[in-house]
Amino acid sequence: MGLTEDLQMYQLPHDLKAKVMLWTDVSYHDMEEINKMQSIPDLESALCSVLRVDLPEPRKGVLLELYVQTVLFCREHSFNKEQTSTLLSIIKSIHEANVETPLNNSEQCFKYCRELLLCHSVRRPPFSISLFNADEVNRVLTYILNNYMKHYKLYKYIFTTQVNLDLSLRYSGMPDIGSPTVEDSSAPGVENETEAEDGTSSETQQASIAAPAGATSELKALIEQQVREQMMLVSGQLDQRIKEKASQQNSALDYSQNSHKAKK
């Protein structure tokens, strides 16, 4: 079922009424000031002040570009002040939902976008208001798909903190290489001939140190090899999972676009 059919039979779920609210980040007075701006730099300055964009570069420039293109889209399709301010708020809300986590939440963002559009396309107060008709909703949905969801991963990469895995391993029960064990001269069967035969004692001590050191090195190499194999296995599984998620996202976008074309 497409978005147009949903508008005919839409009823906001009870558990969603408290989550999806009708609000705007841009007042009527702010829209009047924005409409006076014709050049891109002036428009960026106005949107930066109205939407309180206080970010370092390049995040600031990317976000302002998103808002400017949204305003230009609204002007191209002759949207009024209320529709333009609402669409700016919808774009801002979807972006905030996207960047609140570094994990993949594209399905949740798309569902949230759909709910917001429905909430502003059906007149059922106090839970929804009819600001966009069915044709305008399809235009807005196509715009969001092509200009934001299509670049969803790029926005997430720019605006979210990168997560790095710092792996540290410690093995219990292994003697340190730098502190080899020394044989007890008082143990039964061990003769103490240090004073009489210094050369023989020195060779025996070196052999006793080399033996545990060599065994420790072999054990450490074996453990490191097993750890590398396990890490490669986990990395392969994660890569496969990421590819599956990306394929699901692309399929969802293709399905939405094909459905839109079929209705036309």
C-alpha atoms as a PDB file:
ATOM      1  CA  MET A   1       0.000   0.000   0.000  1.00  0.00           C
ATOM      2  CA  GLY A   2       1.422   3.393  -0.967  1.00  0.00           C
ATOM      3  CA  LEU A   3       1.458   6.659   0.894  1.00  0.00           C
ATOM      4  CA  THR A   4      -1.478   8.042  -1.098  1.00  0.00           C
ATOM      5  CA  GLU A   5      -3.721   5.143  -0.076  1.00  0.00           C
ATOM      6  CA  ASP A   6      -2.621   5.593   3.531  1.00  0.00           C
ATOM      7  CA  LEU A   7      -3.925   9.160   3.488  1.00  0.00           C
ATOM      8  CA  GLN A   8      -7.433   7.853   2.808  1.00  0.00           C
ATOM      9  CA  MET A   9      -7.527   5.407   5.720  1.00  0.00           C
ATOM     10  CA  TYR A  10      -4.919   6.860   8.045  1.00  0.00           C
ATOM     11  CA  GLN A  11      -5.435   6.601  11.797  1.00  0.00           C
ATOM     12  CA  LEU A  12      -2.581   7.552  14.073  1.00  0.00           C
ATOM     13  CA  PRO A  13      -1.698   4.646  16.416  1.00  0.00           C
ATOM     14  CA  HIS A  14      -2.363   5.282  20.088  1.00  0.00           C
ATOM     15  CA  ASP A  15       1.246   4.568  21.092  1.00  0.00           C
ATOM     16  CA  LEU A  16       2.474   7.085  18.535  1.00  0.00           C
ATOM     17  CA  LYS A  17       0.270  10.010  19.480  1.00  0.00           C
ATOM     18  CA  ALA A  18       2.599  11.015  22.281  1.00  0.00           C
ATOM     19  CA  LYS A  19       5.700  10.684  20.079  1.00  0.00           C
ATOM     20  CA  VAL A  20       4.677  12.409  16.862  1.00  0.00           C
ATOM     21  CA  MET A  21       3.824  16.030  17.571  1.00  0.00           C
ATOM     22  CA  LEU A  22       2.821  18.908  15.392  1.00  0.00           C
ATOM     23  CA  TRP A  23       5.473  21.547  15.801  1.00  0.00           C
ATOM     24  CA  THR A  24       7.804  23.719  13.792  1.00  0.00           C
ATOM     25  CA  ASP A  25      11.275  25.089  14.431  1.00  0.00           C
ATOM     26  CA  VAL A  26      10.593  28.100  12.195  1.00  0.00           C
ATOM     27  CA  SER A  27       8.014  30.716  13.168  1.00  0.00           C
ATOM     28  CA  TYR A  28       5.884  32.746  10.776  1.00  0.00           C
ATOM     29  CA  HIS A  29       8.059  35.793  11.369  1.00  0.00           C
ATOM     30  CA  ASP A  30      11.179  33.742  10.666  1.00  0.00           C
ATOM     31  CA  MET A  31       9.679  32.579   7.376  1.00  0.00           C
ATOM     32  CA  GLU A  32       9.032  36.156   6.356  1.00  0.00           C
ATOM     33  CA  GLU A  33      12.695  36.953   6.936  1.00  0.00           C
ATOM     34  CA  ILE A  34      13.791  33.834   5.047  1.00  0.00           C
ATOM     35  CA  ASN A  35      11.580  34.674   2.075  1.00  0.00           C
ATOM     36  CA  LYS A  36      13.270  38.068   1.787  1.00  0.00           C
ATOM     37  CA  MET A  37      16.632  36.386   1.188  1.00  0.00           C
ATOM     38  CA  GLN A  38      17.337  35.702  -2.456  1.00  0.00           C
ATOM     39  CA  SER A  39      21.080  34.971  -2.591  1.00  0.00           C
ATOM     40  CA  ILE A  40      22.488  31.703  -1.274  1.00  0.00           C
ATOM     41  CA  PRO A  41      24.867  33.332   1.273  1.00  0.00           C
ATOM     42  CA  ASP A  42      22.042  35.471   2.712  1.00  0.00           C
ATOM     43  CA  LEU A  43      19.785  32.423   2.857  1.00  0.00           C
ATOM     44  CA  GLU A  44      22.470  30.395   4.643  1.00  0.00           C
ATOM     45  CA  SER A  45      22.964  33.195   7.166  1.00  0.00           C
ATOM     46  CA  ALA A  46      19.238  33.434   7.884  1.00  0.00           C
ATOM     47  CA  LEU A  47      18.800  29.661   8.250  1.00  0.00           C
ATOM     48  CA  CYS A  48      21.878  29.439  10.460  1.00  0.00           C
ATOM     49  CA  SER A  49      20.362  31.990  12.819  1.00  0.00           C
ATOM     50  CA  VAL A  50      16.807  30.617  12.759  1.00  0.00           C
ATOM     51  CA  LEU A  51      17.715  26.924  13.135  1.00  0.00           C
ATOM     52  CA  ARG A  52      20.604  27.652  15.524  1.00  0.00           C
ATOM     53  CA  VAL A  53      23.241  25.792  13.550  1.00  0.00           C
ATOM     54  CA  ASP A  54      26.317  25.998  15.776  1.00  0.00           C
ATOM     55  CA  LEU A  55      28.662  23.326  14.428  1.00  0.00           C
ATOM     56  CA  PRO A  56      32.290  23.275  13.293  1.00  0.00           C
ATOM     57  CA  GLU A  57      33.153  22.940   9.638  1.00  0.00           C
ATOM     58  CA  PRO A  58      32.524  20.915   7.531  1.00  0.00           C
ATOM     59  CA  ARG A  59      29.388  19.869   9.442  1.00  0.00           C
ATOM     60  CA  LYS A  60      28.001  23.378   9.470  1.00  0.00           C
ATOM     61  CA  GLY A  61      28.358  23.811   5.713  1.00  0.00           C
ATOM     62  CA  VAL A  62      26.814  20.408   4.956  1.00  0.00           C
ATOM     63  CA  LEU A  63      23.814  21.019   7.214  1.00  0.00           C
ATOM     64  CA  LEU A  64      23.198  24.532   5.865  1.00  0.00           C
ATOM     65  CA  GLU A  65      23.374  23.169   2.311  1.00  0.00           C
ATOM     66  CA  LEU A  66      20.662  20.648   3.223  1.00  0.00           C
ATOM     67  CA  TYR A  67      18.388  23.376   4.612  1.00  0.00           C
ATOM     68  CA  VAL A  68      19.030  25.741   1.688  1.00  0.00           C
ATOM     69  CA  GLN A  69      18.131  23.061  -0.855  1.00  0.00           C
ATOM     70  CA  THR A  70      14.941  22.356   1.098  1.00  0.00           C
ATOM     71  CA  VAL A  71      13.918  26.019   0.927  1.00  0.00           C
ATOM     72  CA  LEU A  72      14.692  26.147  -2.796  1.00  0.00           C
ATOM     73  CA  PHE A  73      12.600  23.015  -3.326  1.00  0.00           C
ATOM     74  CA  CYS A  74       9.666  24.646  -1.524  1.00  0.00           C
ATOM     75  CA  ARG A  75       9.994  27.792  -3.644  1.00  0.00           C
ATOM     76  CA  GLU A  76      10.137  25.732  -6.825  1.00  0.00           C
ATOM     77  CA  HIS A  77       6.841  24.045  -5.966  1.00  0.00           C
ATOM     78  CA  SER A  78       5.202  27.235  -4.617  1.00  0.00           C
ATOM     79  CA  PHE A  79       4.791  26.015  -1.054  1.00  0.00           C
ATOM     80  CA  ASN A  80       3.418  28.563   1.381  1.00  0.00           C
ATOM     81  CA  LYS A  81       5.144  29.674   4.587  1.00  0.00           C
ATOM     82  CA  GLU A  82       3.475  27.038   6.763  1.00  0.00           C
ATOM     83  CA  GLN A  83       4.406  24.204   4.401  1.00  0.00           C
ATOM     84  CA  THR A  84       8.000  25.417   4.073  1.00  0.00           C
ATOM     85  CA  SER A  85       8.532  25.772   7.819  1.00  0.00           C
ATOM     86  CA  THR A  86       6.992  22.334   8.412  1.00  0.00           C
ATOM     87  CA  LEU A  87       9.171  20.654   5.798  1.00  0.00           C
ATOM     88  CA  LEU A  88      12.271  22.272   7.310  1.00  0.00           C
ATOM     89  CA  SER A  89      11.280  20.850  10.698  1.00  0.00           C
ATOM     90  CA  ILE A  90      10.661  17.399   9.198  1.00  0.00           C
ATOM     91  CA  ILE A  91      14.076  17.394   7.522  1.00  0.00           C
ATOM     92  CA  LYS A  92      15.701  18.563  10.760  1.00  0.00           C
ATOM     93  CA  SER A  93      13.927  15.845  12.774  1.00  0.00           C
ATOM     94  CA  ILE A  94      14.906  13.064  10.351  1.00  0.00           C
ATOM     95  CA  HIS A  95      18.506  14.230  10.384  1.00  0.00           C
ATOM     96  CA  GLU A  96      18.605  14.300  14.186  1.00  0.00           C
ATOM     97  CA  ALA A  97      17.158  10.778  14.302  1.00  0.00           C
ATOM     98  CA  ASN A  98      19.834   9.641  11.863  1.00  0.00           C
ATOM     99  CA  VAL A  99      22.838  11.076  13.699  1.00  0.00           C
ATOM    100  CA  GLU A 100      21.781  10.157  17.226  1.00  0.00           C
ATOM    101  CA  THR A 101      23.588   6.818  16.816  1.00  0.00           C
ATOM    102  CA  PRO A 102      26.539   5.616  14.717  1.00  0.00           C
ATOM    103  CA  LEU A 103      24.686   2.366  14.058  1.00  0.00           C
ATOM    104  CA  ASN A 104      22.557   1.683  11.005  1.00  0.00           C
ATOM    105  CA  ASN A 105      19.002   2.899  11.664  1.00  0.00           C
ATOM    106  CA  SER A 106      17.882   3.677   8.110  1.00  0.00           C
ATOM    107  CA  GLU A 107      14.669   1.673   8.446  1.00  0.00           C
ATOM    108  CA  GLN A 108      13.716   3.557  11.605  1.00  0.00           C
ATOM    109  CA  CYS A 109      14.487   6.905   9.927  1.00  0.00           C
ATOM    110  CA  PHE A 110      12.372   6.055   6.899  1.00  0.00           C
ATOM    111  CA  LYS A 111       9.498   4.925   9.131  1.00  0.00           C
ATOM    112  CA  TYR A 112       9.788   8.138  11.153  1.00  0.00           C
ATOM    113  CA  CYS A 113       9.730  10.192   7.936  1.00  0.00           C
ATOM    114  CA  ARG A 114       6.582   8.401   6.797  1.00  0.00           C
ATOM    115  CA  GLU A 115       4.878   9.010  10.145  1.00  0.00           C
ATOM    116  CA  LEU A 116       5.717  12.718  10.098  1.00  0.00           C
ATOM    117  CA  LEU A 117       4.382  13.141   6.564  1.00  0.00           C
ATOM    118  CA  LEU A 118       1.154  11.354   7.434  1.00  0.00           C
ATOM    119  CA  CYS A 119       0.834  13.424  10.571  1.00  0.00           C
ATOM    120  CA  HIS A 120       0.895  16.603   8.461  1.00  0.00           C
ATOM    121  CA  SER A 121      -1.300  15.354   5.631  1.00  0.00           C
ATOM    122  CA  VAL A 122      -4.546  14.295   7.314  1.00  0.00           C
ATOM    123  CA  ARG A 123      -6.963  16.602   9.096  1.00  0.00           C
ATOM    124  CA  ARG A 124      -7.735  14.794  12.333  1.00  0.00           C
ATOM    125  CA  PRO A 125      -7.149  17.234  15.180  1.00  0.00           C
ATOM    126  CA  PRO A 126      -5.553  17.317  17.633  1.00  0.00           C
ATOM    127  CA  PHE A 127      -3.252  14.547  16.406  1.00  0.00           C
ATOM    128  CA  SER A 128      -2.741  15.562  12.780  1.00  0.00           C
ATOM    129  CA  ILE A 129      -3.272  18.489  10.445  1.00  0.00           C
ATOM    130  CA  SER A 130      -3.763  18.740   6.705  1.00  0.00           C
ATOM    131  CA  LEU A 131      -0.906  20.890   5.429  1.00  0.00           C
ATOM    132  CA  PHE A 132       0.003  18.788   2.364  1.00  0.00           C
ATOM    133  CA  ASN A 133      -2.344  17.169  -0.114  1.00  0.00           C
ATOM    134  CA  ALA A 134      -1.666  13.764  -1.666  1.00  0.00           C
ATOM    135  CA  ASP A 135       0.261  15.164  -4.628  1.00  0.00           C
ATOM    136  CA  GLU A 136       2.419  17.377  -2.418  1.00  0.00           C
ATOM    137  CA  VAL A 137       3.144  14.475  -0.089  1.00  0.00           C
ATOM    138  CA  ASN A 138       4.431  12.400  -3.004  1.00  0.00           C
ATOM    139  CA  ARG A 139       6.663  15.294  -4.105  1.00  0.00           C
ATOM    140  CA  VAL A 140       8.048  15.742  -0.601  1.00  0.00           C
ATOM    141  CA  LEU A 141       8.631  12.011  -0.154  1.00  0.00           C
ATOM    142  CA  THR A 142      10.467  11.809  -3.484  1.00  0.00           C
ATOM    143  CA  TYR A 143      12.578  14.816  -2.509  1.00  0.00           C
ATOM    144  CA  ILE A 144      13.539  13.280   0.852  1.00  0.00           C
ATOM    145  CA  LEU A 145      14.400   9.945  -0.748  1.00  0.00           C
ATOM    146  CA  ASN A 146      16.572  11.487  -3.461  1.00  0.00           C
ATOM    147  CA  ASN A 147      18.230  14.228  -1.419  1.00  0.00           C
ATOM    148  CA  TYR A 148      18.628  12.756   2.064  1.00  0.00           C
ATOM    149  CA  MET A 149      17.959   9.018   2.346  1.00  0.00           C
ATOM    150  CA  LYS A 150      20.002   8.369  -0.787  1.00  0.00           C
ATOM    151  CA  HIS A 151      22.992   9.956   1.004  1.00  0.00           C
ATOM    152  CA  TYR A 152      22.036   8.575   4.408  1.00  0.00           C
ATOM    153  CA  LYS A 153      25.415   6.922   5.074  1.00  0.00           C
ATOM    154  CA  LEU A 154      27.362  10.050   4.137  1.00  0.00           C
ATOM    155  CA  TYR A 155      25.395  12.181   6.612  1.00  0.00           C
ATOM    156  CA  LYS A 156      25.914   9.552   9.315  1.00  0.00           C
ATOM    157  CA  TYR A 157      29.650   9.390   8.588  1.00  0.00           C
ATOM    158  CA  ILE A 158      30.051  13.177   8.807  1.00  0.00           C
ATOM    159  CA  PHE A 159      27.882  13.857  11.858  1.00  0.00           C
ATOM    160  CA  THR A 160      28.474  10.840  14.115  1.00  0.00           C
ATOM    161  CA  THR A 161      31.480   9.826  16.189  1.00  0.00           C
ATOM    162  CA  GLN A 162      33.477   7.000  14.669  1.00  0.00           C
ATOM    163  CA  VAL A 163      33.655   3.839  16.795  1.00  0.00           C
ATOM    164  CA  ASN A 164      37.049   2.092  16.983  1.00  0.00           C
ATOM    165  CA  LEU A 165      37.715  -1.281  18.624  1.00  0.00           C
ATOM    166  CA  ASP A 166      40.766  -1.271  20.921  1.00  0.00           C
ATOM    167  CA  LEU A 167      41.532  -4.910  21.751  1.00  0.00           C
ATOM    168  CA  SER A 168      43.933  -5.770  24.575  1.00  0.00           C
ATOM    169  CA  LEU A 169      44.679  -9.391  25.540  1.00  0.00           C
ATOM    170  CA  ARG A 170      46.097 -10.747  28.787  1.00  0.00           C
ATOM    171  CA  TYR A 171      46.881 -14.391  29.439  1.00  0.00           C
ATOM    172  CA  SER A 172      46.753 -15.856  32.917  1.00  0.00           C
ATOM    173  CA  GLY A 173      49.183 -18.553  34.074  1.00  0.00           C
ATOM    174  CA  MET A 174      52.009 -17.564  31.716  1.00  0.00           C
ATOM    175  CA  PRO A 175      55.418 -16.655  33.232  1.00  0.00           C
ATOM    176  CA  ASP A 176      57.013 -13.402  32.118  1.00  0.00           C
ATOM    177  CA  ILE A 177      59.857 -13.741  29.661  1.00  0.00           C
ATOM    178  CA  GLY A 178      61.926 -11.174  31.526  1.00  0.00           C
ATOM    179  CA  SER A 179      61.783 -13.109  34.834  1.00  0.00           C
ATOM    180  CA  PRO A 180      62.720 -16.758  34.170  1.00  0.00           C
ATOM    181  CA  THR A 181      62.441 -19.365  36.881  1.00  0.00           C
ATOM    182  CA  VAL A 182      65.594 -20.327  38.776  1.00  0.00           C
ATOM    183  CA  GLU A 183      66.129 -23.874  39.992  1.00  0.00           C
ATOM    184  CA  ASP A 184      66.314 -24.415  43.725  1.00  0.00           C
ATOM    185  CA  SER A 185      69.791 -25.625  44.626  1.00  0.00           C
ATOM    186  CA  SER A 186      68.487 -27.248  47.783  1.00  0.00           C
ATOM    187  CA  ALA A 187      66.108 -29.566  45.940  1.00  0.00           C
ATOM    188  CA  PRO A 188      66.895 -33.300  46.024  1.00  0.00           C
ATOM    189  CA  GLY A 189      69.155 -34.546  43.219  1.00  0.00           C
ATOM    190  CA  VAL A 190      70.636 -31.102  42.429  1.00  0.00           C
ATOM    191  CA  GLU A 191      74.357 -30.651  43.177  1.00  0.00           C
ATOM    192  CA  ASN A 192      75.697 -27.203  43.916  1.00  0.00           C
ATOM    193  CA  GLU A 193      79.078 -26.967  42.213  1.00  0.00           C
ATOM    194  CA  THR A 194      79.134 -23.217  41.554  1.00  0.00           C
ATOM    195  CA  GLU A 195      82.404 -22.515  43.279  1.00  0.00           C
ATOM    196  CA  ALA A 196      84.209 -25.498  41.768  1.00  0.00           C
ATOM    197  CA  GLU A 197      82.934 -25.344  38.162  1.00  0.00           C
ATOM    198  CA  ASP A 198      81.908 -21.771  37.193  1.00  0.00           C
ATOM    199  CA  GLY A 199      81.872 -22.478  33.433  1.00  0.00           C
ATOM    200  CA  THR A 200      79.649 -25.567  33.701  1.00  0.00           C
ATOM    201  CA  SER A 201      77.233 -23.798  36.048  1.00  0.00           C
ATOM    202  CA  SER A 202      76.902 -20.813  33.696  1.00  0.00           C
ATOM    203  CA  GLU A 203      76.069 -23.023  30.699  1.00  0.00           C
ATOM    204  CA  THR A 204      73.495 -24.974  32.733  1.00  0.00           C
ATOM    205  CA  GLN A 205      71.792 -21.760  33.895  1.00  0.00           C
ATOM    206  CA  GLN A 206      71.589 -20.374  30.347  1.00  0.00           C
ATOM    207  CA  ALA A 207      70.048 -23.614  29.103  1.00  0.00           C
ATOM    208  CA  SER A 208      67.462 -23.567  31.914  1.00  0.00           C
ATOM    209  CA  ILE A 209      66.498 -19.956  31.008  1.00  0.00           C
ATOM    210  CA  ALA A 210      66.273 -20.619  27.277  1.00  0.00           C
ATOM    211  CA  ALA A 211      63.987 -23.629  27.681  1.00  0.00           C
ATOM    212  CA  PRO A 212      60.989 -21.872  29.347  1.00  0.00           C
ATOM    213  CA  ALA A 213      61.524 -18.780  27.184  1.00  0.00           C
ATOM    214  CA  GLY A 214      61.294 -20.870  24.020  1.00  0.00           C
ATOM    215  CA  ALA A 215      58.179 -22.677  25.269  1.00  0.00           C
ATOM    216  CA  THR A 216      56.560 -19.338  26.183  1.00  0.00           C
ATOM    217  CA  SER A 217      57.296 -17.893  22.747  1.00  0.00           C
ATOM    218  CA  GLU A 218      55.745 -20.906  21.018  1.00  0.00           C
ATOM    219  CA  LEU A 219      52.643 -20.684  23.216  1.00  0.00           C
ATOM    220  CA  LYS A 220      52.322 -16.946  22.602  1.00  0.00           C
ATOM    221  CA  ALA A 221      52.674 -17.394  18.832  1.00  0.00           C
ATOM    222  CA  LEU A 222      50.023 -20.130  18.867  1.00  0.00           C
ATOM    223  CA  ILE A 223      47.578 -17.957  20.843  1.00  0.00           C
ATOM    224  CA  GLU A 224      48.174 -14.938  18.596  1.00  0.00           C
ATOM    225  CA  GLN A 225      47.502 -17.069  15.517  1.00  0.00           C
ATOM    226  CA  GLN A 226      44.232 -18.321  16.979  1.00  0.00           C
ATOM    227  CA  VAL A 227      43.221 -14.782  17.944  1.00  0.00           C
ATOM    228  CA  ARG A 228      43.954 -13.528  14.410  1.00  0.00           C
ATOM    229  CA  GLU A 229      41.882 -16.319  12.909  1.00  0.00           C
ATOM    230  CA  GLN A 230      38.996 -15.539  15.276  1.00  0.00           C
ATOM    231  CA  MET A 231      39.210 -11.812  14.493  1.00  0.00           C
ATOM    232  CA  MET A 232      39.185 -12.525  10.745  1.00  0.00           C
ATOM    233  CA  LEU A 233      36.107 -14.727  11.214  1.00  0.00           C
ATOM    234  CA  VAL A 234      34.250 -12.052  13.212  1.00  0.00           C
ATOM    235  CA  SER A 235      35.306  -9.345  10.747  1.00  0.00           C
ATOM    236  CA  GLY A 236      33.992 -11.420   7.846  1.00  0.00           C
ATOM    237  CA  GLN A 237      30.675 -11.933   9.612  1.00  0.00           C
ATOM    238  CA  LEU A 238      30.362  -8.184  10.308  1.00  0.00           C
ATOM    239  CA  ASP A 239      31.152  -7.323   6.681  1.00  0.00           C
ATOM    240  CA  GLN A 240      28.517  -9.781   5.510  1.00  0.00           C
ATOM    241  CA  ARG A 241      25.971  -8.299   7.921  1.00  0.00           C
ATOM    242  CA  ILE A 242      26.742  -4.768   6.700  1.00  0.00           C
ATOM    243  CA  LYS A 243      26.338  -5.866   3.075  1.00  0.00           C
ATOM    244  CA  GLU A 244      22.974  -7.468   3.894  1.00  0.00           C
ATOM    245  CA  LYS A 245      21.773  -4.287   5.613  1.00  0.00           C
ATOM    246  CA  ALA A 246      22.918  -2.134   2.704  1.00  0.00           C
ATOM    247  CA  SER A 247      21.136  -4.459   0.271  1.00  0.00           C
ATOM    248  CA  GLN A 248      17.933  -4.250   2.319  1.00  0.00           C
ATOM    249  CA  GLN A 249      18.132  -0.449   2.363  1.00  0.00           C
ATOM    250  CA  ASN A 250      18.691  -0.243  -1.389  1.00  0.00           C
ATOM    251  CA  SER A 251      15.800  -2.637  -1.979  1.00  0.00           C
ATOM    252  CA  ALA A 252      13.517  -0.509   0.201  1.00  0.00           C
ATOM    253  CA  LEU A 253      14.465   2.663  -1.668  1.00  0.00           C
ATOM    254  CA  ASP A 254      14.025   0.990  -5.060  1.00  0.00           C
ATOM    255  CA  TYR A 255      10.626  -0.363  -4.007  1.00  0.00           C
ATOM    256  CA  SER A 256       9.447   3.074  -2.865  1.00  0.00           C
ATOM    257  CA  GLN A 257      10.608   4.738  -6.078  1.00  0.00           C
ATOM    258  CA  ASN A 258       9.066   2.020  -8.263  1.00  0.00           C
ATOM    259  CA  SER A 259       5.786   2.290  -6.383  1.00  0.00           C
ATOM    260  CA  HIS A 260       5.795   6.047  -6.912  1.00  0.00           C
ATOM    261  CA  LYS A 261       6.443   5.642 -10.642  1.00  0.00           C
ATOM    262  CA  ALA A 262       3.742   2.993 -10.969  1.00  0.00           C
ATOM    263  CA  LYS A 263       1.127   5.313  -9.444  1.00  0.00           C
ATOM    264  CA  LYS A 264       1.978   8.004 -11.951  1.00  0.00           C
END
